[in-house]
């Protein structure tokens, strides 16, 4: 999706997190190389925490927004939770890790 819509203004920001079943145990460089093996060309940030008292401020903010709340509260349940943010910086939708990419793409197109 990034390659398809980057020229139209889509930015994908990835934040690795190791709070879910030890899925991201590697260093930043190891995670970056793994992402490259899937031809990921979006921005990949350093590993952070998304839940608990040590959660990164960005994730605290995302989860506190009216459209940032999850189905069962605002905690992040698993890696690959996604947030769609419009060009004004407003959270417009939160997606579960299992969300269909087609659904996300349809929503992204509304905001490009």
PDB file of N, CA and C in Angstrom:
ATOM      1  N   UNK A   1       0.827  -1.181   0.000  1.00  0.00           N
ATOM      2  CA  UNK A   1       0.000   0.000   0.000  1.00  0.00           C
ATOM      3  C   UNK A   1       0.881   1.258   0.000  1.00  0.00           C
ATOM      4  N   UNK A   2       1.988   1.182   0.718  1.00  0.00           N
ATOM      5  CA  UNK A   2       2.886   2.335   0.756  1.00  0.00           C
ATOM      6  C   UNK A   2       3.390   2.666  -0.645  1.00  0.00           C
ATOM      7  N   UNK A   3       3.870   1.668  -1.359  1.00  0.00           N
ATOM      8  CA  UNK A   3       4.400   1.904  -2.703  1.00  0.00           C
ATOM      9  C   UNK A   3       3.311   2.431  -3.636  1.00  0.00           C
ATOM     10  N   UNK A   4       2.111   1.980  -3.447  1.00  0.00           N
ATOM     11  CA  UNK A   4       1.004   2.354  -4.324  1.00  0.00           C
ATOM     12  C   UNK A   4       0.542   3.796  -4.100  1.00  0.00           C
ATOM     13  N   UNK A   5       0.599   4.281  -2.868  1.00  0.00           N
ATOM     14  CA  UNK A   5      -0.007   5.578  -2.555  1.00  0.00           C
ATOM     15  C   UNK A   5       0.942   6.616  -1.961  1.00  0.00           C
ATOM     16  N   UNK A   6       2.211   6.318  -1.838  1.00  0.00           N
ATOM     17  CA  UNK A   6       3.146   7.275  -1.240  1.00  0.00           C
ATOM     18  C   UNK A   6       3.171   8.599  -1.998  1.00  0.00           C
ATOM     19  N   UNK A   7       3.140   8.539  -3.304  1.00  0.00           N
ATOM     20  CA  UNK A   7       3.162   9.765  -4.110  1.00  0.00           C
ATOM     21  C   UNK A   7       1.901  10.599  -3.932  1.00  0.00           C
ATOM     22  N   UNK A   8       0.847   9.989  -3.434  1.00  0.00           N
ATOM     23  CA  UNK A   8      -0.405  10.723  -3.189  1.00  0.00           C
ATOM     24  C   UNK A   8      -0.490  11.224  -1.749  1.00  0.00           C
ATOM     25  N   UNK A   9       0.550  10.956  -0.953  1.00  0.00           N
ATOM     26  CA  UNK A   9       0.592  11.497   0.390  1.00  0.00           C
ATOM     27  C   UNK A   9       0.509  10.494   1.522  1.00  0.00           C
ATOM     28  N   UNK A  10       0.403   9.206   1.221  1.00  0.00           N
ATOM     29  CA  UNK A  10       0.323   8.207   2.280  1.00  0.00           C
ATOM     30  C   UNK A  10       1.695   8.008   2.924  1.00  0.00           C
ATOM     31  N   UNK A  11       1.719   8.070   4.225  1.00  0.00           N
ATOM     32  CA  UNK A  11       2.920   7.744   4.990  1.00  0.00           C
ATOM     33  C   UNK A  11       2.568   6.623   5.947  1.00  0.00           C
ATOM     34  N   UNK A  12       3.379   5.593   5.948  1.00  0.00           N
ATOM     35  CA  UNK A  12       3.203   4.492   6.888  1.00  0.00           C
ATOM     36  C   UNK A  12       4.365   4.545   7.857  1.00  0.00           C
ATOM     37  N   UNK A  13       4.039   4.555   9.134  1.00  0.00           N
ATOM     38  CA  UNK A  13       5.041   4.601  10.187  1.00  0.00           C
ATOM     39  C   UNK A  13       4.933   3.323  10.998  1.00  0.00           C
ATOM     40  N   UNK A  14       6.016   2.592  11.108  1.00  0.00           N
ATOM     41  CA  UNK A  14       6.015   1.321  11.838  1.00  0.00           C
ATOM     42  C   UNK A  14       6.825   1.465  13.117  1.00  0.00           C
ATOM     43  N   UNK A  15       6.243   0.958  14.203  1.00  0.00           N
ATOM     44  CA  UNK A  15       6.879   1.013  15.512  1.00  0.00           C
ATOM     45  C   UNK A  15       6.965  -0.403  16.075  1.00  0.00           C
ATOM     46  N   UNK A  16       8.112  -1.065  15.933  1.00  0.00           N
ATOM     47  CA  UNK A  16       8.241  -2.412  16.493  1.00  0.00           C
ATOM     48  C   UNK A  16       8.032  -2.387  18.010  1.00  0.00           C
ATOM     49  N   UNK A  17       7.460  -3.469  18.519  1.00  0.00           N
ATOM     50  CA  UNK A  17       7.203  -3.585  19.949  1.00  0.00           C
ATOM     51  C   UNK A  17       7.378  -5.042  20.343  1.00  0.00           C
ATOM     52  N   UNK A  18       8.044  -5.279  21.452  1.00  0.00           N
ATOM     53  CA  UNK A  18       8.290  -6.642  21.900  1.00  0.00           C
ATOM     54  C   UNK A  18       7.400  -7.032  23.081  1.00  0.00           C
ATOM     55  N   UNK A  19       6.277  -6.347  23.254  1.00  0.00           N
ATOM     56  CA  UNK A  19       5.379  -6.632  24.372  1.00  0.00           C
ATOM     57  C   UNK A  19       4.379  -7.745  24.075  1.00  0.00           C
ATOM     58  N   UNK A  20       4.466  -8.365  22.914  1.00  0.00           N
ATOM     59  CA  UNK A  20       3.471  -9.351  22.504  1.00  0.00           C
ATOM     60  C   UNK A  20       4.136 -10.666  22.119  1.00  0.00           C
ATOM     61  N   UNK A  21       4.245 -11.556  23.068  1.00  0.00           N
ATOM     62  CA  UNK A  21       4.782 -12.880  22.781  1.00  0.00           C
ATOM     63  C   UNK A  21       6.208 -12.878  22.263  1.00  0.00           C
ATOM     64  N   UNK A  22       6.998 -11.878  22.626  1.00  0.00           N
ATOM     65  CA  UNK A  22       8.400 -11.821  22.219  1.00  0.00           C
ATOM     66  C   UNK A  22       8.560 -11.860  20.697  1.00  0.00           C
ATOM     67  N   UNK A  23       7.652 -11.173  19.965  1.00  0.00           N
ATOM     68  CA  UNK A  23       7.688 -11.177  18.503  1.00  0.00           C
ATOM     69  C   UNK A  23       8.771 -10.297  17.899  1.00  0.00           C
ATOM     70  N   UNK A  24       9.266  -9.336  18.646  1.00  0.00           N
ATOM     71  CA  UNK A  24      10.283  -8.418  18.123  1.00  0.00           C
ATOM     72  C   UNK A  24      11.506  -8.398  19.035  1.00  0.00           C
ATOM     73  N   UNK A  25      12.168  -9.543  19.218  1.00  0.00           N
ATOM     74  CA  UNK A  25      13.289  -9.578  20.167  1.00  0.00           C
ATOM     75  C   UNK A  25      14.580  -8.961  19.628  1.00  0.00           C
ATOM     76  N   UNK A  26      14.655  -8.762  18.342  1.00  0.00           N
ATOM     77  CA  UNK A  26      15.905  -8.319  17.733  1.00  0.00           C
ATOM     78  C   UNK A  26      16.255  -6.873  17.986  1.00  0.00           C
ATOM     79  N   UNK A  27      17.453  -6.520  17.533  1.00  0.00           N
ATOM     80  CA  UNK A  27      17.907  -5.134  17.579  1.00  0.00           C
ATOM     81  C   UNK A  27      17.194  -4.357  16.478  1.00  0.00           C
ATOM     82  N   UNK A  28      17.356  -3.041  16.516  1.00  0.00           N
ATOM     83  CA  UNK A  28      16.751  -2.215  15.474  1.00  0.00           C
ATOM     84  C   UNK A  28      17.244  -2.642  14.085  1.00  0.00           C
ATOM     85  N   UNK A  29      18.538  -2.880  13.971  1.00  0.00           N
ATOM     86  CA  UNK A  29      19.095  -3.281  12.670  1.00  0.00           C
ATOM     87  C   UNK A  29      18.548  -4.632  12.212  1.00  0.00           C
ATOM     88  N   UNK A  30      18.384  -5.582  13.120  1.00  0.00           N
ATOM     89  CA  UNK A  30      17.833  -6.891  12.756  1.00  0.00           C
ATOM     90  C   UNK A  30      16.383  -6.755  12.294  1.00  0.00           C
ATOM     91  N   UNK A  31      15.626  -5.951  12.982  1.00  0.00           N
ATOM     92  CA  UNK A  31      14.219  -5.739  12.608  1.00  0.00           C
ATOM     93  C   UNK A  31      14.142  -5.052  11.246  1.00  0.00           C
ATOM     94  N   UNK A  32      15.005  -4.079  11.033  1.00  0.00           N
ATOM     95  CA  UNK A  32      15.045  -3.352   9.761  1.00  0.00           C
ATOM     96  C   UNK A  32      15.386  -4.295   8.605  1.00  0.00           C
ATOM     97  N   UNK A  33      16.358  -5.182   8.809  1.00  0.00           N
ATOM     98  CA  UNK A  33      16.728  -6.150   7.771  1.00  0.00           C
ATOM     99  C   UNK A  33      15.583  -7.120   7.487  1.00  0.00           C
ATOM    100  N   UNK A  34      14.902  -7.545   8.527  1.00  0.00           N
ATOM    101  CA  UNK A  34      13.754  -8.444   8.353  1.00  0.00           C
ATOM    102  C   UNK A  34      12.669  -7.746   7.523  1.00  0.00           C
ATOM    103  N   UNK A  35      12.388  -6.494   7.833  1.00  0.00           N
ATOM    104  CA  UNK A  35      11.377  -5.749   7.080  1.00  0.00           C
ATOM    105  C   UNK A  35      11.797  -5.597   5.615  1.00  0.00           C
ATOM    106  N   UNK A  36      13.078  -5.368   5.387  1.00  0.00           N
ATOM    107  CA  UNK A  36      13.578  -5.245   4.016  1.00  0.00           C
ATOM    108  C   UNK A  36      13.370  -6.531   3.229  1.00  0.00           C
ATOM    109  N   UNK A  37      13.443  -7.679   3.901  1.00  0.00           N
ATOM    110  CA  UNK A  37      13.261  -8.957   3.212  1.00  0.00           C
ATOM    111  C   UNK A  37      11.839  -9.079   2.648  1.00  0.00           C
ATOM    112  N   UNK A  38      10.918  -8.268   3.152  1.00  0.00           N
ATOM    113  CA  UNK A  38       9.545  -8.224   2.636  1.00  0.00           C
ATOM    114  C   UNK A  38       9.332  -6.989   1.765  1.00  0.00           C
ATOM    115  N   UNK A  39      10.418  -6.341   1.372  1.00  0.00           N
ATOM    116  CA  UNK A  39      10.393  -5.157   0.531  1.00  0.00           C
ATOM    117  C   UNK A  39       9.640  -3.991   1.184  1.00  0.00           C
ATOM    118  N   UNK A  40       9.662  -3.938   2.504  1.00  0.00           N
ATOM    119  CA  UNK A  40       9.020  -2.841   3.225  1.00  0.00           C
ATOM    120  C   UNK A  40       9.822  -1.566   2.997  1.00  0.00           C
ATOM    121  N   UNK A  41       9.160  -0.532   2.523  1.00  0.00           N
ATOM    122  CA  UNK A  41       9.838   0.718   2.227  1.00  0.00           C
ATOM    123  C   UNK A  41       9.299   1.882   3.059  1.00  0.00           C
ATOM    124  N   UNK A  42       8.492   1.584   4.045  1.00  0.00           N
ATOM    125  CA  UNK A  42       7.940   2.631   4.894  1.00  0.00           C
ATOM    126  C   UNK A  42       8.904   2.956   6.029  1.00  0.00           C
ATOM    127  N   UNK A  43       8.584   4.026   6.767  1.00  0.00           N
ATOM    128  CA  UNK A  43       9.433   4.451   7.878  1.00  0.00           C
ATOM    129  C   UNK A  43       9.326   3.472   9.037  1.00  0.00           C
ATOM    130  N   UNK A  44      10.476   2.996   9.489  1.00  0.00           N
ATOM    131  CA  UNK A  44      10.548   2.044  10.594  1.00  0.00           C
ATOM    132  C   UNK A  44      11.304   2.705  11.742  1.00  0.00           C
ATOM    133  N   UNK A  45      10.617   2.877  12.847  1.00  0.00           N
ATOM    134  CA  UNK A  45      11.193   3.552  14.003  1.00  0.00           C
ATOM    135  C   UNK A  45      11.789   2.533  14.971  1.00  0.00           C
ATOM    136  N   UNK A  46      12.459   3.039  15.987  1.00  0.00           N
ATOM    137  CA  UNK A  46      13.042   2.172  17.006  1.00  0.00           C
ATOM    138  C   UNK A  46      11.953   1.482  17.806  1.00  0.00           C
ATOM    139  N   UNK A  47      12.316   0.373  18.397  1.00  0.00           N
ATOM    140  CA  UNK A  47      11.392  -0.414  19.209  1.00  0.00           C
ATOM    141  C   UNK A  47      10.915   0.422  20.399  1.00  0.00           C
ATOM    142  N   UNK A  48       9.607   0.345  20.673  1.00  0.00           N
ATOM    143  CA  UNK A  48       9.008   1.100  21.777  1.00  0.00           C
ATOM    144  C   UNK A  48       8.047   0.216  22.549  1.00  0.00           C
ATOM    145  N   UNK A  49       7.519   0.747  23.627  1.00  0.00           N
ATOM    146  CA  UNK A  49       6.432   0.100  24.362  1.00  0.00           C
ATOM    147  C   UNK A  49       5.146   0.839  24.026  1.00  0.00           C
ATOM    148  N   UNK A  50       4.074   0.091  23.844  1.00  0.00           N
ATOM    149  CA  UNK A  50       2.792   0.694  23.473  1.00  0.00           C
ATOM    150  C   UNK A  50       1.746   0.562  24.577  1.00  0.00           C
ATOM    151  N   UNK A  51       2.020  -0.238  25.568  1.00  0.00           N
ATOM    152  CA  UNK A  51       1.102  -0.439  26.697  1.00  0.00           C
ATOM    153  C   UNK A  51       1.846  -0.221  28.008  1.00  0.00           C
ATOM    154  N   UNK A  52       1.077   0.017  29.045  1.00  0.00           N
ATOM    155  CA  UNK A  52       1.643   0.135  30.381  1.00  0.00           C
ATOM    156  C   UNK A  52       2.190   1.516  30.674  1.00  0.00           C
ATOM    157  N   UNK A  53       2.731   1.681  31.865  1.00  0.00           N
ATOM    158  CA  UNK A  53       3.214   2.994  32.293  1.00  0.00           C
ATOM    159  C   UNK A  53       4.400   3.505  31.470  1.00  0.00           C
ATOM    160  N   UNK A  54       5.124   2.610  30.812  1.00  0.00           N
ATOM    161  CA  UNK A  54       6.268   3.018  29.993  1.00  0.00           C
ATOM    162  C   UNK A  54       5.906   3.178  28.518  1.00  0.00           C
ATOM    163  N   UNK A  55       4.610   3.165  28.201  1.00  0.00           N
ATOM    164  CA  UNK A  55       4.188   3.329  26.808  1.00  0.00           C
ATOM    165  C   UNK A  55       4.682   4.664  26.270  1.00  0.00           C
ATOM    166  N   UNK A  56       5.072   4.654  25.018  1.00  0.00           N
ATOM    167  CA  UNK A  56       5.532   5.871  24.354  1.00  0.00           C
ATOM    168  C   UNK A  56       4.388   6.888  24.327  1.00  0.00           C
ATOM    169  N   UNK A  57       4.720   8.164  24.458  1.00  0.00           N
ATOM    170  CA  UNK A  57       3.701   9.216  24.494  1.00  0.00           C
ATOM    171  C   UNK A  57       2.819   9.226  23.243  1.00  0.00           C
ATOM    172  N   UNK A  58       3.393   8.922  22.089  1.00  0.00           N
ATOM    173  CA  UNK A  58       2.581   8.879  20.873  1.00  0.00           C
ATOM    174  C   UNK A  58       1.470   7.849  21.007  1.00  0.00           C
ATOM    175  N   UNK A  59       1.799   6.678  21.524  1.00  0.00           N
ATOM    176  CA  UNK A  59       0.805   5.616  21.649  1.00  0.00           C
ATOM    177  C   UNK A  59      -0.210   5.926  22.739  1.00  0.00           C
ATOM    178  N   UNK A  60       0.217   6.594  23.778  1.00  0.00           N
ATOM    179  CA  UNK A  60      -0.748   7.035  24.795  1.00  0.00           C
ATOM    180  C   UNK A  60      -1.755   7.974  24.147  1.00  0.00           C
ATOM    181  N   UNK A  61      -1.263   8.892  23.324  1.00  0.00           N
ATOM    182  CA  UNK A  61      -2.136   9.849  22.646  1.00  0.00           C
ATOM    183  C   UNK A  61      -3.073   9.143  21.660  1.00  0.00           C
ATOM    184  N   UNK A  62      -2.508   8.264  20.827  1.00  0.00           N
ATOM    185  CA  UNK A  62      -3.335   7.548  19.841  1.00  0.00           C
ATOM    186  C   UNK A  62      -4.495   6.823  20.516  1.00  0.00           C
ATOM    187  N   UNK A  63      -4.196   6.112  21.594  1.00  0.00           N
ATOM    188  CA  UNK A  63      -5.217   5.312  22.278  1.00  0.00           C
ATOM    189  C   UNK A  63      -6.246   6.173  22.992  1.00  0.00           C
ATOM    190  N   UNK A  64      -5.899   7.414  23.315  1.00  0.00           N
ATOM    191  CA  UNK A  64      -6.817   8.299  24.036  1.00  0.00           C
ATOM    192  C   UNK A  64      -7.777   9.044  23.117  1.00  0.00           C
ATOM    193  N   UNK A  65      -7.523   9.023  21.823  1.00  0.00           N
ATOM    194  CA  UNK A  65      -8.374   9.753  20.886  1.00  0.00           C
ATOM    195  C   UNK A  65      -9.734   9.067  20.731  1.00  0.00           C
ATOM    196  N   UNK A  66     -10.786   9.855  20.443  1.00  0.00           N
ATOM    197  CA  UNK A  66     -12.126   9.263  20.303  1.00  0.00           C
ATOM    198  C   UNK A  66     -12.177   8.096  19.310  1.00  0.00           C
ATOM    199  N   UNK A  67     -11.470   8.195  18.197  1.00  0.00           N
ATOM    200  CA  UNK A  67     -11.467   7.105  17.212  1.00  0.00           C
ATOM    201  C   UNK A  67     -10.280   6.168  17.397  1.00  0.00           C
ATOM    202  N   UNK A  68      -9.559   6.318  18.495  1.00  0.00           N
ATOM    203  CA  UNK A  68      -8.397   5.479  18.758  1.00  0.00           C
ATOM    204  C   UNK A  68      -8.673   4.370  19.751  1.00  0.00           C
ATOM    205  N   UNK A  69      -9.893   4.335  20.250  1.00  0.00           N
ATOM    206  CA  UNK A  69     -10.249   3.317  21.237  1.00  0.00           C
ATOM    207  C   UNK A  69     -10.445   1.971  20.544  1.00  0.00           C
ATOM    208  N   UNK A  70     -10.047   0.917  21.216  1.00  0.00           N
ATOM    209  CA  UNK A  70     -10.210  -0.426  20.678  1.00  0.00           C
ATOM    210  C   UNK A  70     -11.558  -1.005  21.041  1.00  0.00           C
ATOM    211  N   UNK A  71     -11.830  -2.168  20.521  1.00  0.00           N
ATOM    212  CA  UNK A  71     -13.097  -2.859  20.750  1.00  0.00           C
ATOM    213  C   UNK A  71     -13.299  -3.191  22.225  1.00  0.00           C
ATOM    214  N   UNK A  72     -12.234  -3.592  22.875  1.00  0.00           N
ATOM    215  CA  UNK A  72     -12.314  -3.967  24.296  1.00  0.00           C
ATOM    216  C   UNK A  72     -11.461  -3.035  25.156  1.00  0.00           C
ATOM    217  N   UNK A  73     -11.588  -1.756  24.945  1.00  0.00           N
ATOM    218  CA  UNK A  73     -10.781  -0.797  25.680  1.00  0.00           C
ATOM    219  C   UNK A  73      -9.673  -0.262  24.814  1.00  0.00           C
ATOM    220  N   UNK A  74      -8.829   0.577  25.403  1.00  0.00           N
ATOM    221  CA  UNK A  74      -7.848   1.227  24.540  1.00  0.00           C
ATOM    222  C   UNK A  74      -6.481   0.551  24.517  1.00  0.00           C
ATOM    223  N   UNK A  75      -6.254  -0.490  25.286  1.00  0.00           N
ATOM    224  CA  UNK A  75      -4.969  -1.186  25.244  1.00  0.00           C
ATOM    225  C   UNK A  75      -4.725  -1.836  23.894  1.00  0.00           C
ATOM    226  N   UNK A  76      -3.462  -1.893  23.504  1.00  0.00           N
ATOM    227  CA  UNK A  76      -3.097  -2.570  22.256  1.00  0.00           C
ATOM    228  C   UNK A  76      -3.023  -4.057  22.573  1.00  0.00           C
ATOM    229  N   UNK A  77      -3.770  -4.863  21.822  1.00  0.00           N
ATOM    230  CA  UNK A  77      -3.880  -6.294  22.110  1.00  0.00           C
ATOM    231  C   UNK A  77      -2.782  -7.128  21.461  1.00  0.00           C
ATOM    232  N   UNK A  78      -2.245  -6.659  20.320  1.00  0.00           N
ATOM    233  CA  UNK A  78      -1.247  -7.451  19.600  1.00  0.00           C
ATOM    234  C   UNK A  78      -0.532  -6.558  18.598  1.00  0.00           C
ATOM    235  N   UNK A  79       0.657  -6.991  18.161  1.00  0.00           N
ATOM    236  CA  UNK A  79       1.373  -6.268  17.120  1.00  0.00           C
ATOM    237  C   UNK A  79       0.501  -6.097  15.887  1.00  0.00           C
ATOM    238  N   UNK A  80       0.800  -5.120  15.110  1.00  0.00           N
ATOM    239  CA  UNK A  80       0.131  -4.781  13.846  1.00  0.00           C
ATOM    240  C   UNK A  80      -1.229  -4.115  14.039  1.00  0.00           C
ATOM    241  N   UNK A  81      -1.489  -3.590  15.238  1.00  0.00           N
ATOM    242  CA  UNK A  81      -2.628  -2.693  15.397  1.00  0.00           C
ATOM    243  C   UNK A  81      -2.286  -1.447  14.593  1.00  0.00           C
ATOM    244  N   UNK A  82      -3.270  -0.920  13.860  1.00  0.00           N
ATOM    245  CA  UNK A  82      -3.015   0.209  12.975  1.00  0.00           C
ATOM    246  C   UNK A  82      -3.970   1.359  13.289  1.00  0.00           C
ATOM    247  N   UNK A  83      -3.486   2.580  13.058  1.00  0.00           N
ATOM    248  CA  UNK A  83      -4.290   3.784  13.213  1.00  0.00           C
ATOM    249  C   UNK A  83      -4.237   4.555  11.905  1.00  0.00           C
ATOM    250  N   UNK A  84      -5.388   5.026  11.444  1.00  0.00           N
ATOM    251  CA  UNK A  84      -5.444   5.887  10.264  1.00  0.00           C
ATOM    252  C   UNK A  84      -5.602   7.319  10.767  1.00  0.00           C
ATOM    253  N   UNK A  85      -4.682   8.169  10.345  1.00  0.00           N
ATOM    254  CA  UNK A  85      -4.672   9.565  10.771  1.00  0.00           C
ATOM    255  C   UNK A  85      -4.808  10.428   9.525  1.00  0.00           C
ATOM    256  N   UNK A  86      -5.726  11.381   9.577  1.00  0.00           N
ATOM    257  CA  UNK A  86      -5.948  12.225   8.397  1.00  0.00           C
ATOM    258  C   UNK A  86      -4.873  13.303   8.290  1.00  0.00           C
ATOM    259  N   UNK A  87      -4.967  14.111   7.245  1.00  0.00           N
ATOM    260  CA  UNK A  87      -3.949  15.127   6.980  1.00  0.00           C
ATOM    261  C   UNK A  87      -3.961  16.260   8.000  1.00  0.00           C
ATOM    262  N   UNK A  88      -4.987  16.312   8.834  1.00  0.00           N
ATOM    263  CA  UNK A  88      -5.048  17.319   9.893  1.00  0.00           C
ATOM    264  C   UNK A  88      -4.504  16.776  11.216  1.00  0.00           C
ATOM    265  N   UNK A  89      -4.056  15.520  11.208  1.00  0.00           N
ATOM    266  CA  UNK A  89      -3.489  14.916  12.407  1.00  0.00           C
ATOM    267  C   UNK A  89      -4.515  14.306  13.344  1.00  0.00           C
ATOM    268  N   UNK A  90      -5.726  14.066  12.839  1.00  0.00           N
ATOM    269  CA  UNK A  90      -6.782  13.471  13.647  1.00  0.00           C
ATOM    270  C   UNK A  90      -6.865  11.963  13.406  1.00  0.00           C
ATOM    271  N   UNK A  91      -6.983  11.198  14.480  1.00  0.00           N
ATOM    272  CA  UNK A  91      -7.184   9.758  14.341  1.00  0.00           C
ATOM    273  C   UNK A  91      -8.600   9.551  13.820  1.00  0.00           C
ATOM    274  N   UNK A  92      -8.717   8.904  12.664  1.00  0.00           N
ATOM    275  CA  UNK A  92     -10.046   8.674  12.094  1.00  0.00           C
ATOM    276  C   UNK A  92     -10.517   7.238  12.263  1.00  0.00           C
ATOM    277  N   UNK A  93      -9.568   6.302  12.479  1.00  0.00           N
ATOM    278  CA  UNK A  93      -9.976   4.918  12.663  1.00  0.00           C
ATOM    279  C   UNK A  93      -8.820   4.104  13.231  1.00  0.00           C
ATOM    280  N   UNK A  94      -9.208   3.099  13.999  1.00  0.00           N
ATOM    281  CA  UNK A  94      -8.244   2.127  14.523  1.00  0.00           C
ATOM    282  C   UNK A  94      -8.604   0.772  13.946  1.00  0.00           C
ATOM    283  N   UNK A  95      -7.574  -0.003  13.587  1.00  0.00           N
ATOM    284  CA  UNK A  95      -7.768  -1.322  12.992  1.00  0.00           C
ATOM    285  C   UNK A  95      -7.089  -2.380  13.847  1.00  0.00           C
ATOM    286  N   UNK A  96      -7.719  -3.518  13.949  1.00  0.00           N
ATOM    287  CA  UNK A  96      -7.131  -4.629  14.690  1.00  0.00           C
ATOM    288  C   UNK A  96      -6.000  -5.249  13.859  1.00  0.00           C
ATOM    289  N   UNK A  97      -5.158  -6.042  14.492  1.00  0.00           N
ATOM    290  CA  UNK A  97      -4.083  -6.712  13.743  1.00  0.00           C
ATOM    291  C   UNK A  97      -4.616  -7.607  12.623  1.00  0.00           C
ATOM    292  N   UNK A  98      -5.848  -8.062  12.739  1.00  0.00           N
ATOM    293  CA  UNK A  98      -6.416  -8.963  11.740  1.00  0.00           C
ATOM    294  C   UNK A  98      -7.256  -8.251  10.684  1.00  0.00           C
ATOM    295  N   UNK A  99      -7.282  -6.935  10.707  1.00  0.00           N
ATOM    296  CA  UNK A  99      -8.093  -6.183   9.734  1.00  0.00           C
ATOM    297  C   UNK A  99      -7.670  -6.504   8.312  1.00  0.00           C
ATOM    298  N   UNK A 100      -8.664  -6.590   7.451  1.00  0.00           N
ATOM    299  CA  UNK A 100      -8.447  -6.871   6.040  1.00  0.00           C
ATOM    300  C   UNK A 100      -7.795  -5.654   5.373  1.00  0.00           C
ATOM    301  N   UNK A 101      -6.652  -5.829   4.712  1.00  0.00           N
ATOM    302  CA  UNK A 101      -5.995  -4.701   4.043  1.00  0.00           C
ATOM    303  C   UNK A 101      -6.886  -3.998   3.015  1.00  0.00           C
ATOM    304  N   UNK A 102      -7.825  -4.712   2.415  1.00  0.00           N
ATOM    305  CA  UNK A 102      -8.750  -4.096   1.456  1.00  0.00           C
ATOM    306  C   UNK A 102      -9.602  -3.042   2.163  1.00  0.00           C
ATOM    307  N   UNK A 103     -10.084  -3.361   3.360  1.00  0.00           N
ATOM    308  CA  UNK A 103     -10.872  -2.404   4.146  1.00  0.00           C
ATOM    309  C   UNK A 103     -10.046  -1.170   4.465  1.00  0.00           C
ATOM    310  N   UNK A 104      -8.806  -1.389   4.844  1.00  0.00           N
ATOM    311  CA  UNK A 104      -7.931  -0.271   5.185  1.00  0.00           C
ATOM    312  C   UNK A 104      -7.675   0.584   3.947  1.00  0.00           C
ATOM    313  N   UNK A 105      -7.421  -0.049   2.814  1.00  0.00           N
ATOM    314  CA  UNK A 105      -7.146   0.687   1.582  1.00  0.00           C
ATOM    315  C   UNK A 105      -8.337   1.548   1.177  1.00  0.00           C
ATOM    316  N   UNK A 106      -9.534   1.020   1.295  1.00  0.00           N
ATOM    317  CA  UNK A 106     -10.745   1.792   0.966  1.00  0.00           C
ATOM    318  C   UNK A 106     -10.814   3.036   1.853  1.00  0.00           C
ATOM    319  N   UNK A 107     -10.530   2.879   3.134  1.00  0.00           N
ATOM    320  CA  UNK A 107     -10.558   4.017   4.046  1.00  0.00           C
ATOM    321  C   UNK A 107      -9.440   5.004   3.740  1.00  0.00           C
ATOM    322  N   UNK A 108      -8.245   4.501   3.430  1.00  0.00           N
ATOM    323  CA  UNK A 108      -7.114   5.379   3.118  1.00  0.00           C
ATOM    324  C   UNK A 108      -7.465   6.274   1.937  1.00  0.00           C
ATOM    325  N   UNK A 109      -8.092   5.715   0.947  1.00  0.00           N
ATOM    326  CA  UNK A 109      -8.422   6.493  -0.265  1.00  0.00           C
ATOM    327  C   UNK A 109      -9.350   7.659   0.036  1.00  0.00           C
ATOM    328  N   UNK A 110     -10.155   7.552   1.070  1.00  0.00           N
ATOM    329  CA  UNK A 110     -11.059   8.657   1.440  1.00  0.00           C
ATOM    330  C   UNK A 110     -10.285   9.871   1.928  1.00  0.00           C
ATOM    331  N   UNK A 111      -9.067   9.664   2.412  1.00  0.00           N
ATOM    332  CA  UNK A 111      -8.310  10.744   3.050  1.00  0.00           C
ATOM    333  C   UNK A 111      -7.102  11.227   2.260  1.00  0.00           C
ATOM    334  N   UNK A 112      -6.864  10.647   1.088  1.00  0.00           N
ATOM    335  CA  UNK A 112      -5.728  11.109   0.271  1.00  0.00           C
ATOM    336  C   UNK A 112      -6.145  12.299  -0.584  1.00  0.00           C
TER     337      UNK A 112
END
